[in-house]
Amino acid sequence: SPQEPCTLMDISVGGLRLLFERGLPEETFGAGAPVKGKIQSSEPGFVLNFEGKVVWNRRAALVGEAATMIGVTFLDYTDLPETLLHLIDDFGQAD
C-alpha cells in the first residue's frame, strides 16, 4: 500500500481531515478506501496511530499546485492523546 506524507488539517474523536500536497489517484483514496497512518508531533510530543476509511475526497489548490483533501472516519473509537486534545481546545474554541 502506498505511503503519502500529509498535513493534519482537523481532528475529532470521530475522524480527521488530511491535506496531501499533490493530486492523489481517486482509486487509491476514493470513498470507502481503507486508510491507516501515524500522526507525530515533537512540540508537544505525541504519536497517534490511526485506522479508518475515506469518507470523501476533494481536489484542492495549494499555492497554485494540485492538492487533495480527504475526510477519514475512524474504524472504531480512537483514544486521542491528551496533548492533542489540548491543542484542539486551544485552536478550535473562541471565548
Protein backbone atom coordinates (compact mmCIF):
# COMPACT_ATOMS: atom_id res chain seq x y z
CA SER A 1 0.00 0.00 0.00
CA PRO A 2 1.33 3.47 -0.84
CA GLN A 3 2.65 5.80 1.85
CA GLU A 4 2.00 9.51 1.40
CA PRO A 5 3.16 12.34 3.67
CA CYS A 6 0.35 14.75 4.51
CA THR A 7 -0.73 17.55 6.84
CA LEU A 8 -3.34 17.11 9.55
CA MET A 9 -5.95 19.84 9.00
CA ASP A 10 -8.60 18.86 11.55
CA ILE A 11 -9.30 16.04 14.01
CA SER A 12 -12.06 14.97 16.37
CA VAL A 13 -12.95 11.75 18.20
CA GLY A 14 -14.84 10.63 15.06
CA GLY A 15 -12.19 11.18 12.41
CA LEU A 16 -9.82 13.58 10.71
CA ARG A 17 -9.15 15.67 7.62
CA LEU A 18 -5.83 15.36 5.79
CA LEU A 19 -4.21 17.51 3.12
CA PHE A 20 -1.87 15.92 0.58
CA GLU A 21 0.30 18.34 -1.37
CA ARG A 22 -0.35 16.65 -4.70
CA GLY A 23 -3.21 15.15 -6.66
CA LEU A 24 -3.95 11.62 -5.47
CA PRO A 25 -5.47 8.89 -7.63
CA GLU A 26 -9.18 8.50 -6.88
CA GLU A 27 -8.91 4.70 -6.94
CA THR A 28 -6.35 4.75 -4.11
CA PHE A 29 -8.01 7.33 -1.87
CA GLY A 30 -11.65 7.23 -3.02
CA ALA A 31 -14.65 6.97 -0.68
CA GLY A 32 -14.58 3.72 1.27
CA ALA A 33 -10.84 3.14 0.80
CA PRO A 34 -9.05 1.89 3.93
CA VAL A 35 -6.50 4.27 5.44
CA LYS A 36 -4.05 3.88 8.27
CA GLY A 37 -1.37 6.20 9.41
CA LYS A 38 0.56 7.90 12.15
CA ILE A 39 0.36 11.49 13.34
CA GLN A 40 3.51 12.74 15.03
CA SER A 41 4.33 15.98 16.77
CA SER A 42 7.52 16.97 18.50
CA GLU A 43 6.11 20.02 20.31
CA PRO A 44 4.05 18.96 22.18
CA GLY A 45 5.30 15.41 21.84
CA PHE A 46 2.85 12.67 20.92
CA VAL A 47 2.28 9.91 18.39
CA LEU A 48 -1.18 8.76 17.29
CA ASN A 49 -1.61 5.64 15.16
CA PHE A 50 -4.99 5.51 13.48
CA GLU A 51 -7.04 3.33 11.16
CA GLY A 52 -10.12 4.34 9.24
CA LYS A 53 -11.77 4.73 5.87
CA VAL A 54 -12.08 7.60 3.43
CA VAL A 55 -15.48 9.32 3.57
CA TRP A 56 -14.80 11.98 0.93
CA ASN A 57 -12.01 13.08 -1.39
CA ARG A 58 -11.74 16.58 -2.91
CA ARG A 59 -9.26 18.25 -5.19
CA ALA A 60 -7.82 21.40 -3.66
CA ALA A 61 -5.41 24.07 -4.81
CA LEU A 62 -2.35 24.76 -2.70
CA VAL A 63 -0.34 27.77 -3.89
CA GLY A 64 -1.49 27.01 -7.42
CA GLU A 65 -0.44 23.36 -7.23
CA ALA A 66 -2.80 20.39 -7.32
CA ALA A 67 -3.55 19.04 -3.87
CA THR A 68 -6.03 16.57 -2.39
CA MET A 69 -8.04 16.82 0.83
CA ILE A 70 -9.61 13.68 2.29
CA GLY A 71 -12.01 13.12 5.16
CA VAL A 72 -11.41 9.96 7.18
CA THR A 73 -13.70 8.33 9.72
CA PHE A 74 -12.03 6.17 12.37
CA LEU A 75 -12.94 2.46 12.25
CA ASP A 76 -13.74 2.47 15.94
CA TYR A 77 -13.33 4.81 18.87
CA THR A 78 -9.79 6.21 18.79
CA ASP A 79 -8.38 7.41 22.09
CA LEU A 80 -6.81 10.77 21.24
CA PRO A 81 -3.67 11.74 23.19
CA GLU A 82 -4.27 14.28 25.96
CA THR A 83 -1.74 16.70 24.44
CA LEU A 84 -3.62 16.59 21.13
CA LEU A 85 -6.95 17.27 22.84
CA HIS A 86 -5.41 20.35 24.46
CA LEU A 87 -4.25 21.59 21.05
CA ILE A 88 -7.78 21.14 19.67
CA ASP A 89 -9.20 23.07 22.62
CA ASP A 90 -6.66 25.88 22.21
CA PHE A 91 -7.17 26.33 18.47
CA GLY A 92 -10.74 25.21 18.00
CA GLN A 93 -12.65 27.27 20.51
CA ALA A 94 -13.05 31.01 20.72
CA ASP A 95 -14.12 32.59 24.00
